Structures are given as C-alpha cells and as structure tokens.
C-alpha cells in the first residue's frame, strides 16, 4: 500500500524521475501529456525508434 501512495504522490507532483525509479529497468512508459513521450528503462526514446 505504501508503494501505491508513493506513486500517487509522485504522479501528483509530476515527478517523473521518482515514477521511473519504481519501474523495472526494461519497462516502457508512454506519456501523451504535452506531446507524446516514451521512456524505455531510464532513457527517453523518440516514438519512431520503438521496436
């Protein structure tokens, strides 16, 4: 439960770094806020490069 609260706190604060720290190294996160962005692990990847 504490992890869920931490994730919600980070989300509300717009703290992407903390949210990324909670995912596996090979996780893929897609965000459409303010234009489409994709993170693979800890690096930002332009949409066209996702395989």
PDB file of N, CA and C in Angstrom:
ATOM      1  N   UNK A   1       0.825  -1.195   0.000  1.00  0.00           N
ATOM      2  CA  UNK A   1       0.000   0.000   0.000  1.00  0.00           C
ATOM      3  C   UNK A   1       0.869   1.258   0.000  1.00  0.00           C
ATOM      4  N   UNK A   2       1.964   1.237   0.727  1.00  0.00           N
ATOM      5  CA  UNK A   2       2.839   2.407   0.789  1.00  0.00           C
ATOM      6  C   UNK A   2       3.397   2.747  -0.584  1.00  0.00           C
ATOM      7  N   UNK A   3       3.697   1.742  -1.393  1.00  0.00           N
ATOM      8  CA  UNK A   3       4.220   1.979  -2.741  1.00  0.00           C
ATOM      9  C   UNK A   3       3.184   2.690  -3.601  1.00  0.00           C
ATOM     10  N   UNK A   4       1.939   2.300  -3.467  1.00  0.00           N
ATOM     11  CA  UNK A   4       0.867   2.946  -4.231  1.00  0.00           C
ATOM     12  C   UNK A   4       0.742   4.415  -3.832  1.00  0.00           C
ATOM     13  N   UNK A   5       0.839   4.700  -2.563  1.00  0.00           N
ATOM     14  CA  UNK A   5       0.761   6.083  -2.073  1.00  0.00           C
ATOM     15  C   UNK A   5       1.961   6.885  -2.582  1.00  0.00           C
ATOM     16  N   UNK A   6       3.149   6.280  -2.542  1.00  0.00           N
ATOM     17  CA  UNK A   6       4.347   6.957  -3.058  1.00  0.00           C
ATOM     18  C   UNK A   6       4.198   7.266  -4.542  1.00  0.00           C
ATOM     19  N   UNK A   7       3.648   6.303  -5.306  1.00  0.00           N
ATOM     20  CA  UNK A   7       3.454   6.507  -6.746  1.00  0.00           C
ATOM     21  C   UNK A   7       2.458   7.642  -6.980  1.00  0.00           C
ATOM     22  N   UNK A   8       1.349   7.645  -6.239  1.00  0.00           N
ATOM     23  CA  UNK A   8       0.355   8.707  -6.393  1.00  0.00           C
ATOM     24  C   UNK A   8       0.932  10.074  -6.023  1.00  0.00           C
ATOM     25  N   UNK A   9       1.720  10.136  -4.976  1.00  0.00           N
ATOM     26  CA  UNK A   9       2.362  11.401  -4.585  1.00  0.00           C
ATOM     27  C   UNK A   9       3.284  11.907  -5.690  1.00  0.00           C
ATOM     28  N   UNK A  10       4.071  10.999  -6.264  1.00  0.00           N
ATOM     29  CA  UNK A  10       4.989  11.376  -7.341  1.00  0.00           C
ATOM     30  C   UNK A  10       4.200  11.817  -8.571  1.00  0.00           C
ATOM     31  N   UNK A  11       3.120  11.119  -8.884  1.00  0.00           N
ATOM     32  CA  UNK A  11       2.276  11.467 -10.032  1.00  0.00           C
ATOM     33  C   UNK A  11       1.679  12.858  -9.860  1.00  0.00           C
ATOM     34  N   UNK A  12       1.124  13.112  -8.690  1.00  0.00           N
ATOM     35  CA  UNK A  12       0.517  14.426  -8.420  1.00  0.00           C
ATOM     36  C   UNK A  12       1.541  15.549  -8.502  1.00  0.00           C
ATOM     37  N   UNK A  13       2.774  15.261  -8.104  1.00  0.00           N
ATOM     38  CA  UNK A  13       3.836  16.265  -8.122  1.00  0.00           C
ATOM     39  C   UNK A  13       4.489  16.383  -9.501  1.00  0.00           C
ATOM     40  N   UNK A  14       4.139  15.483 -10.411  1.00  0.00           N
ATOM     41  CA  UNK A  14       4.757  15.491 -11.737  1.00  0.00           C
ATOM     42  C   UNK A  14       6.218  15.065 -11.694  1.00  0.00           C
ATOM     43  N   UNK A  15       6.562  14.231 -10.720  1.00  0.00           N
ATOM     44  CA  UNK A  15       7.943  13.781 -10.507  1.00  0.00           C
ATOM     45  C   UNK A  15       8.216  12.505 -11.304  1.00  0.00           C
ATOM     46  N   UNK A  16       8.549  12.686 -12.580  1.00  0.00           N
ATOM     47  CA  UNK A  16       8.757  11.551 -13.477  1.00  0.00           C
ATOM     48  C   UNK A  16       9.940  10.701 -13.024  1.00  0.00           C
ATOM     49  N   UNK A  17      10.982  11.304 -12.521  1.00  0.00           N
ATOM     50  CA  UNK A  17      12.161  10.556 -12.077  1.00  0.00           C
ATOM     51  C   UNK A  17      11.805   9.544 -10.992  1.00  0.00           C
ATOM     52  N   UNK A  18      11.018   9.945 -10.022  1.00  0.00           N
ATOM     53  CA  UNK A  18      10.609   9.033  -8.950  1.00  0.00           C
ATOM     54  C   UNK A  18       9.739   7.915  -9.498  1.00  0.00           C
ATOM     55  N   UNK A  19       8.834   8.262 -10.408  1.00  0.00           N
ATOM     56  CA  UNK A  19       7.979   7.238 -11.009  1.00  0.00           C
ATOM     57  C   UNK A  19       8.826   6.236 -11.777  1.00  0.00           C
ATOM     58  N   UNK A  20       9.789   6.717 -12.560  1.00  0.00           N
ATOM     59  CA  UNK A  20      10.653   5.812 -13.320  1.00  0.00           C
ATOM     60  C   UNK A  20      11.466   4.908 -12.400  1.00  0.00           C
ATOM     61  N   UNK A  21      11.869   5.419 -11.241  1.00  0.00           N
ATOM     62  CA  UNK A  21      12.622   4.602 -10.279  1.00  0.00           C
ATOM     63  C   UNK A  21      11.808   3.414  -9.770  1.00  0.00           C
ATOM     64  N   UNK A  22      10.493   3.498  -9.858  1.00  0.00           N
ATOM     65  CA  UNK A  22       9.627   2.437  -9.356  1.00  0.00           C
ATOM     66  C   UNK A  22       9.390   1.325 -10.369  1.00  0.00           C
ATOM     67  N   UNK A  23       9.820   1.507 -11.610  1.00  0.00           N
ATOM     68  CA  UNK A  23       9.597   0.521 -12.659  1.00  0.00           C
ATOM     69  C   UNK A  23      10.849  -0.310 -12.906  1.00  0.00           C
ATOM     70  N   UNK A  24      10.686  -1.467 -13.530  1.00  0.00           N
ATOM     71  CA  UNK A  24      11.810  -2.334 -13.889  1.00  0.00           C
ATOM     72  C   UNK A  24      12.696  -1.622 -14.917  1.00  0.00           C
ATOM     73  N   UNK A  25      13.952  -2.034 -15.001  1.00  0.00           N
ATOM     74  CA  UNK A  25      14.904  -1.407 -15.909  1.00  0.00           C
ATOM     75  C   UNK A  25      14.479  -1.482 -17.365  1.00  0.00           C
ATOM     76  N   UNK A  26      13.696  -2.496 -17.736  1.00  0.00           N
ATOM     77  CA  UNK A  26      13.281  -2.628 -19.132  1.00  0.00           C
ATOM     78  C   UNK A  26      11.814  -2.237 -19.352  1.00  0.00           C
ATOM     79  N   UNK A  27      11.233  -1.533 -18.391  1.00  0.00           N
ATOM     80  CA  UNK A  27       9.848  -1.094 -18.517  1.00  0.00           C
ATOM     81  C   UNK A  27       9.718  -0.035 -19.607  1.00  0.00           C
ATOM     82  N   UNK A  28       8.554   0.021 -20.228  1.00  0.00           N
ATOM     83  CA  UNK A  28       8.254   1.032 -21.237  1.00  0.00           C
ATOM     84  C   UNK A  28       7.109   1.888 -20.707  1.00  0.00           C
ATOM     85  N   UNK A  29       7.318   3.200 -20.677  1.00  0.00           N
ATOM     86  CA  UNK A  29       6.305   4.132 -20.199  1.00  0.00           C
ATOM     87  C   UNK A  29       6.001   5.102 -21.326  1.00  0.00           C
ATOM     88  N   UNK A  30       4.724   5.201 -21.695  1.00  0.00           N
ATOM     89  CA  UNK A  30       4.287   6.135 -22.736  1.00  0.00           C
ATOM     90  C   UNK A  30       3.474   7.239 -22.077  1.00  0.00           C
ATOM     91  N   UNK A  31       3.746   8.478 -22.460  1.00  0.00           N
ATOM     92  CA  UNK A  31       3.037   9.627 -21.892  1.00  0.00           C
ATOM     93  C   UNK A  31       2.581  10.526 -23.036  1.00  0.00           C
ATOM     94  N   UNK A  32       1.310  10.869 -23.062  1.00  0.00           N
ATOM     95  CA  UNK A  32       0.784  11.756 -24.090  1.00  0.00           C
ATOM     96  C   UNK A  32       0.525  13.163 -23.567  1.00  0.00           C
ATOM     97  N   UNK A  33       0.985  13.478 -22.390  1.00  0.00           N
ATOM     98  CA  UNK A  33       0.782  14.811 -21.840  1.00  0.00           C
ATOM     99  C   UNK A  33       1.820  15.773 -22.430  1.00  0.00           C
ATOM    100  N   UNK A  34       1.369  16.866 -22.987  1.00  0.00           N
ATOM    101  CA  UNK A  34       2.288  17.849 -23.561  1.00  0.00           C
ATOM    102  C   UNK A  34       3.045  17.309 -24.763  1.00  0.00           C
ATOM    103  N   UNK A  35       2.454  16.414 -25.519  1.00  0.00           N
ATOM    104  CA  UNK A  35       3.132  15.773 -26.644  1.00  0.00           C
ATOM    105  C   UNK A  35       3.554  14.375 -26.241  1.00  0.00           C
ATOM    106  N   UNK A  36       3.617  13.476 -27.187  1.00  0.00           N
ATOM    107  CA  UNK A  36       3.903  12.079 -26.882  1.00  0.00           C
ATOM    108  C   UNK A  36       5.375  11.879 -26.521  1.00  0.00           C
ATOM    109  N   UNK A  37       5.612  11.183 -25.419  1.00  0.00           N
ATOM    110  CA  UNK A  37       6.959  10.866 -24.948  1.00  0.00           C
ATOM    111  C   UNK A  37       6.994   9.386 -24.565  1.00  0.00           C
ATOM    112  N   UNK A  38       8.127   8.743 -24.762  1.00  0.00           N
ATOM    113  CA  UNK A  38       8.278   7.339 -24.394  1.00  0.00           C
ATOM    114  C   UNK A  38       9.605   7.170 -23.676  1.00  0.00           C
ATOM    115  N   UNK A  39       9.578   6.474 -22.544  1.00  0.00           N
ATOM    116  CA  UNK A  39      10.796   6.110 -21.827  1.00  0.00           C
ATOM    117  C   UNK A  39      10.930   4.602 -21.866  1.00  0.00           C
ATOM    118  N   UNK A  40      12.125   4.131 -22.177  1.00  0.00           N
ATOM    119  CA  UNK A  40      12.428   2.696 -22.124  1.00  0.00           C
ATOM    120  C   UNK A  40      13.520   2.573 -21.080  1.00  0.00           C
ATOM    121  N   UNK A  41      13.178   1.947 -19.961  1.00  0.00           N
ATOM    122  CA  UNK A  41      14.122   1.932 -18.842  1.00  0.00           C
ATOM    123  C   UNK A  41      14.289   3.350 -18.337  1.00  0.00           C
ATOM    124  N   UNK A  42      15.502   3.842 -18.273  1.00  0.00           N
ATOM    125  CA  UNK A  42      15.769   5.187 -17.754  1.00  0.00           C
ATOM    126  C   UNK A  42      16.044   6.197 -18.863  1.00  0.00           C
ATOM    127  N   UNK A  43      15.890   5.810 -20.123  1.00  0.00           N
ATOM    128  CA  UNK A  43      16.213   6.754 -21.193  1.00  0.00           C
ATOM    129  C   UNK A  43      14.969   7.116 -22.000  1.00  0.00           C
ATOM    130  N   UNK A  44      14.944   8.355 -22.419  1.00  0.00           N
ATOM    131  CA  UNK A  44      13.868   8.837 -23.290  1.00  0.00           C
ATOM    132  C   UNK A  44      14.130   8.328 -24.686  1.00  0.00           C
ATOM    133  N   UNK A  45      13.095   7.835 -25.367  1.00  0.00           N
ATOM    134  CA  UNK A  45      13.216   7.324 -26.720  1.00  0.00           C
ATOM    135  C   UNK A  45      12.158   7.970 -27.597  1.00  0.00           C
ATOM    136  N   UNK A  46      12.566   8.616 -28.699  1.00  0.00           N
ATOM    137  CA  UNK A  46      11.550   9.167 -29.615  1.00  0.00           C
ATOM    138  C   UNK A  46      10.635   8.054 -30.115  1.00  0.00           C
ATOM    139  N   UNK A  47       9.364   8.356 -30.303  1.00  0.00           N
ATOM    140  CA  UNK A  47       8.344   7.381 -30.703  1.00  0.00           C
ATOM    141  C   UNK A  47       8.772   6.550 -31.908  1.00  0.00           C
ATOM    142  N   UNK A  48       9.352   7.153 -32.910  1.00  0.00           N
ATOM    143  CA  UNK A  48       9.685   6.450 -34.142  1.00  0.00           C
ATOM    144  C   UNK A  48      10.730   5.365 -33.966  1.00  0.00           C
ATOM    145  N   UNK A  49      11.440   5.341 -32.838  1.00  0.00           N
ATOM    146  CA  UNK A  49      12.507   4.378 -32.639  1.00  0.00           C
ATOM    147  C   UNK A  49      12.100   3.152 -31.834  1.00  0.00           C
ATOM    148  N   UNK A  50      10.856   3.121 -31.346  1.00  0.00           N
ATOM    149  CA  UNK A  50      10.395   1.976 -30.563  1.00  0.00           C
ATOM    150  C   UNK A  50      10.193   0.783 -31.486  1.00  0.00           C
ATOM    151  N   UNK A  51      10.789  -0.348 -31.130  1.00  0.00           N
ATOM    152  CA  UNK A  51      10.650  -1.552 -31.954  1.00  0.00           C
ATOM    153  C   UNK A  51       9.519  -2.415 -31.436  1.00  0.00           C
TER     154      UNK A  51
END
